[in-house]
Amino acid sequence: MAKKFKIKKGDKVVVTTGRDKGKQGEVLRVLRADDRVLVQGINMVKRHTAPTQASPGGIVEKEASIHISNVAHVDPKSGQATRVGFKLDKDGNKQRIAKRSGEAIDF
């Protein structure tokens, strides 16, 4: 059974530790088996790639994964790191909310 995380693809997150501490980005992928996420513009690494018919090769910069414990949701109101809670709305649908401000995370 796959693990469940409160962070999903497309969420805006802030890095809490490491060399990119304080930077914000959007989650591109969630790697459930490894407890890691791929965040746009965070943890950039250089890869030396051989030329192929599709690409010329050379040194390519791309995002590397970061452990999910090192990122936190961005509060929609204040822009700071926040924890995530769940709440039922008036229609009875489960909704993710930011603990810091009480605002809904799902737009």
C-alpha atoms as a PDB file:
ATOM      1  CA  MET A   1       0.000   0.000   0.000  1.00  0.00           C
ATOM      2  CA  ALA A   2       1.299   3.449  -0.938  1.00  0.00           C
ATOM      3  CA  LYS A   3       2.160   5.920   1.813  1.00  0.00           C
ATOM      4  CA  LYS A   4      -0.045   8.979   2.257  1.00  0.00           C
ATOM      5  CA  PHE A   5       1.434  12.438   2.471  1.00  0.00           C
ATOM      6  CA  LYS A   6      -0.136  15.832   3.032  1.00  0.00           C
ATOM      7  CA  ILE A   7       1.976  17.271   0.206  1.00  0.00           C
ATOM      8  CA  LYS A   8       0.735  16.700  -3.334  1.00  0.00           C
ATOM      9  CA  LYS A   9       1.835  17.531  -6.852  1.00  0.00           C
ATOM     10  CA  GLY A  10       1.201  21.195  -7.621  1.00  0.00           C
ATOM     11  CA  ASP A  11       1.406  22.398  -3.990  1.00  0.00           C
ATOM     12  CA  LYS A  12       3.488  25.458  -3.159  1.00  0.00           C
ATOM     13  CA  VAL A  13       6.098  24.546  -0.542  1.00  0.00           C
ATOM     14  CA  VAL A  14       8.990  26.204   1.305  1.00  0.00           C
ATOM     15  CA  VAL A  15      12.282  24.456   2.112  1.00  0.00           C
ATOM     16  CA  THR A  16      12.882  24.343   5.889  1.00  0.00           C
ATOM     17  CA  THR A  17      16.465  22.980   6.027  1.00  0.00           C
ATOM     18  CA  GLY A  18      19.523  22.583   3.832  1.00  0.00           C
ATOM     19  CA  ARG A  19      21.329  24.808   1.376  1.00  0.00           C
ATOM     20  CA  ASP A  20      18.057  26.008  -0.202  1.00  0.00           C
ATOM     21  CA  LYS A  21      16.457  26.938   3.136  1.00  0.00           C
ATOM     22  CA  GLY A  22      13.781  29.606   2.733  1.00  0.00           C
ATOM     23  CA  LYS A  23      13.272  29.102  -1.015  1.00  0.00           C
ATOM     24  CA  GLN A  24       9.799  28.402  -2.330  1.00  0.00           C
ATOM     25  CA  GLY A  25       8.693  26.325  -5.279  1.00  0.00           C
ATOM     26  CA  GLU A  26       5.987  24.129  -6.726  1.00  0.00           C
ATOM     27  CA  VAL A  27       6.003  20.346  -6.238  1.00  0.00           C
ATOM     28  CA  LEU A  28       6.619  18.634  -9.583  1.00  0.00           C
ATOM     29  CA  ARG A  29       6.549  15.003  -8.378  1.00  0.00           C
ATOM     30  CA  VAL A  30       6.039  13.068  -5.156  1.00  0.00           C
ATOM     31  CA  LEU A  31       8.202   9.954  -4.888  1.00  0.00           C
ATOM     32  CA  ARG A  32       6.175   7.936  -2.381  1.00  0.00           C
ATOM     33  CA  ALA A  33       8.481   4.918  -2.209  1.00  0.00           C
ATOM     34  CA  ASP A  34      11.454   7.073  -1.190  1.00  0.00           C
ATOM     35  CA  ASP A  35       9.624   9.724   0.931  1.00  0.00           C
ATOM     36  CA  ARG A  36      10.967  12.430  -1.394  1.00  0.00           C
ATOM     37  CA  VAL A  37       9.601  15.285  -3.506  1.00  0.00           C
ATOM     38  CA  LEU A  38      10.856  17.071  -6.610  1.00  0.00           C
ATOM     39  CA  VAL A  39      10.437  20.845  -6.243  1.00  0.00           C
ATOM     40  CA  GLN A  40      10.807  23.297  -9.115  1.00  0.00           C
ATOM     41  CA  GLY A  41      14.076  25.263  -8.887  1.00  0.00           C
ATOM     42  CA  ILE A  42      15.185  23.592  -5.622  1.00  0.00           C
ATOM     43  CA  ASN A  43      18.259  21.352  -5.103  1.00  0.00           C
ATOM     44  CA  MET A  44      19.650  22.010  -8.586  1.00  0.00           C
ATOM     45  CA  VAL A  45      22.403  19.595  -9.659  1.00  0.00           C
ATOM     46  CA  LYS A  46      24.549  19.329 -12.785  1.00  0.00           C
ATOM     47  CA  ARG A  47      24.484  16.191 -14.904  1.00  0.00           C
ATOM     48  CA  HIS A  48      26.998  15.456 -17.657  1.00  0.00           C
ATOM     49  CA  THR A  49      24.980  13.894 -20.465  1.00  0.00           C
ATOM     50  CA  ALA A  50      26.178  12.269 -23.671  1.00  0.00           C
ATOM     51  CA  PRO A  51      24.790  13.632 -26.935  1.00  0.00           C
ATOM     52  CA  THR A  52      21.821  11.827 -28.477  1.00  0.00           C
ATOM     53  CA  GLN A  53      19.656  12.497 -31.519  1.00  0.00           C
ATOM     54  CA  ALA A  54      17.199  14.375 -29.302  1.00  0.00           C
ATOM     55  CA  SER A  55      19.657  16.470 -27.267  1.00  0.00           C
ATOM     56  CA  PRO A  56      23.109  17.914 -27.932  1.00  0.00           C
ATOM     57  CA  GLY A  57      24.470  16.696 -24.585  1.00  0.00           C
ATOM     58  CA  GLY A  58      26.850  18.598 -22.346  1.00  0.00           C
ATOM     59  CA  ILE A  59      26.283  19.813 -18.792  1.00  0.00           C
ATOM     60  CA  VAL A  60      22.575  19.957 -17.929  1.00  0.00           C
ATOM     61  CA  GLU A  61      21.157  21.491 -14.745  1.00  0.00           C
ATOM     62  CA  LYS A  62      18.095  19.816 -13.274  1.00  0.00           C
ATOM     63  CA  GLU A  63      16.252  19.396  -9.990  1.00  0.00           C
ATOM     64  CA  ALA A  64      17.169  16.578  -7.632  1.00  0.00           C
ATOM     65  CA  SER A  65      14.722  15.198  -5.097  1.00  0.00           C
ATOM     66  CA  ILE A  66      14.601  16.452  -1.504  1.00  0.00           C
ATOM     67  CA  HIS A  67      13.287  14.570   1.525  1.00  0.00           C
ATOM     68  CA  ILE A  68       9.648  15.333   2.258  1.00  0.00           C
ATOM     69  CA  SER A  69      10.442  16.170   5.892  1.00  0.00           C
ATOM     70  CA  ASN A  70      12.532  19.132   4.700  1.00  0.00           C
ATOM     71  CA  VAL A  71       9.634  20.963   3.042  1.00  0.00           C
ATOM     72  CA  ALA A  72       6.458  22.537   4.427  1.00  0.00           C
ATOM     73  CA  HIS A  73       3.336  23.995   2.870  1.00  0.00           C
ATOM     74  CA  VAL A  74       3.207  27.741   2.241  1.00  0.00           C
ATOM     75  CA  ASP A  75       0.394  29.526   4.064  1.00  0.00           C
ATOM     76  CA  PRO A  76      -1.845  31.167   1.408  1.00  0.00           C
ATOM     77  CA  LYS A  77      -2.374  34.216   3.642  1.00  0.00           C
ATOM     78  CA  SER A  78       1.066  34.997   5.108  1.00  0.00           C
ATOM     79  CA  GLY A  79       3.451  33.095   2.805  1.00  0.00           C
ATOM     80  CA  GLN A  80       5.166  31.386   5.765  1.00  0.00           C
ATOM     81  CA  ALA A  81       5.580  27.669   6.451  1.00  0.00           C
ATOM     82  CA  THR A  82       2.539  25.976   7.949  1.00  0.00           C
ATOM     83  CA  ARG A  83       1.272  22.576   8.958  1.00  0.00           C
ATOM     84  CA  VAL A  84      -1.738  21.009   7.275  1.00  0.00           C
ATOM     85  CA  GLY A  85      -5.028  19.985   8.825  1.00  0.00           C
ATOM     86  CA  PHE A  86      -8.285  18.641   7.476  1.00  0.00           C
ATOM     87  CA  LYS A  87     -11.782  20.039   7.832  1.00  0.00           C
ATOM     88  CA  LEU A  88     -15.192  19.245   6.390  1.00  0.00           C
ATOM     89  CA  ASP A  89     -16.782  22.097   4.442  1.00  0.00           C
ATOM     90  CA  LYS A  90     -20.507  22.873   4.385  1.00  0.00           C
ATOM     91  CA  ASP A  91     -21.106  20.328   1.591  1.00  0.00           C
ATOM     92  CA  GLY A  92     -19.393  17.573   3.602  1.00  0.00           C
ATOM     93  CA  ASN A  93     -16.274  17.480   1.445  1.00  0.00           C
ATOM     94  CA  LYS A  94     -12.898  16.951   3.122  1.00  0.00           C
ATOM     95  CA  GLN A  95     -10.652  19.975   2.642  1.00  0.00           C
ATOM     96  CA  ARG A  96      -7.009  20.665   3.463  1.00  0.00           C
ATOM     97  CA  ILE A  97      -6.494  23.785   5.587  1.00  0.00           C
ATOM     98  CA  ALA A  98      -3.421  25.688   6.757  1.00  0.00           C
ATOM     99  CA  LYS A  99      -3.055  25.438  10.537  1.00  0.00           C
ATOM    100  CA  ARG A 100      -1.398  28.884  10.751  1.00  0.00           C
ATOM    101  CA  SER A 101      -4.282  30.903   9.246  1.00  0.00           C
ATOM    102  CA  GLY A 102      -7.178  28.475   8.802  1.00  0.00           C
ATOM    103  CA  GLU A 103      -7.313  29.213   5.052  1.00  0.00           C
ATOM    104  CA  ALA A 104      -8.102  26.427   2.574  1.00  0.00           C
ATOM    105  CA  ILE A 105      -5.033  25.102   0.725  1.00  0.00           C
ATOM    106  CA  ASP A 106      -6.941  23.590  -2.194  1.00  0.00           C
ATOM    107  CA  PHE A 107      -7.998  26.409  -4.456  1.00  0.00           C
END
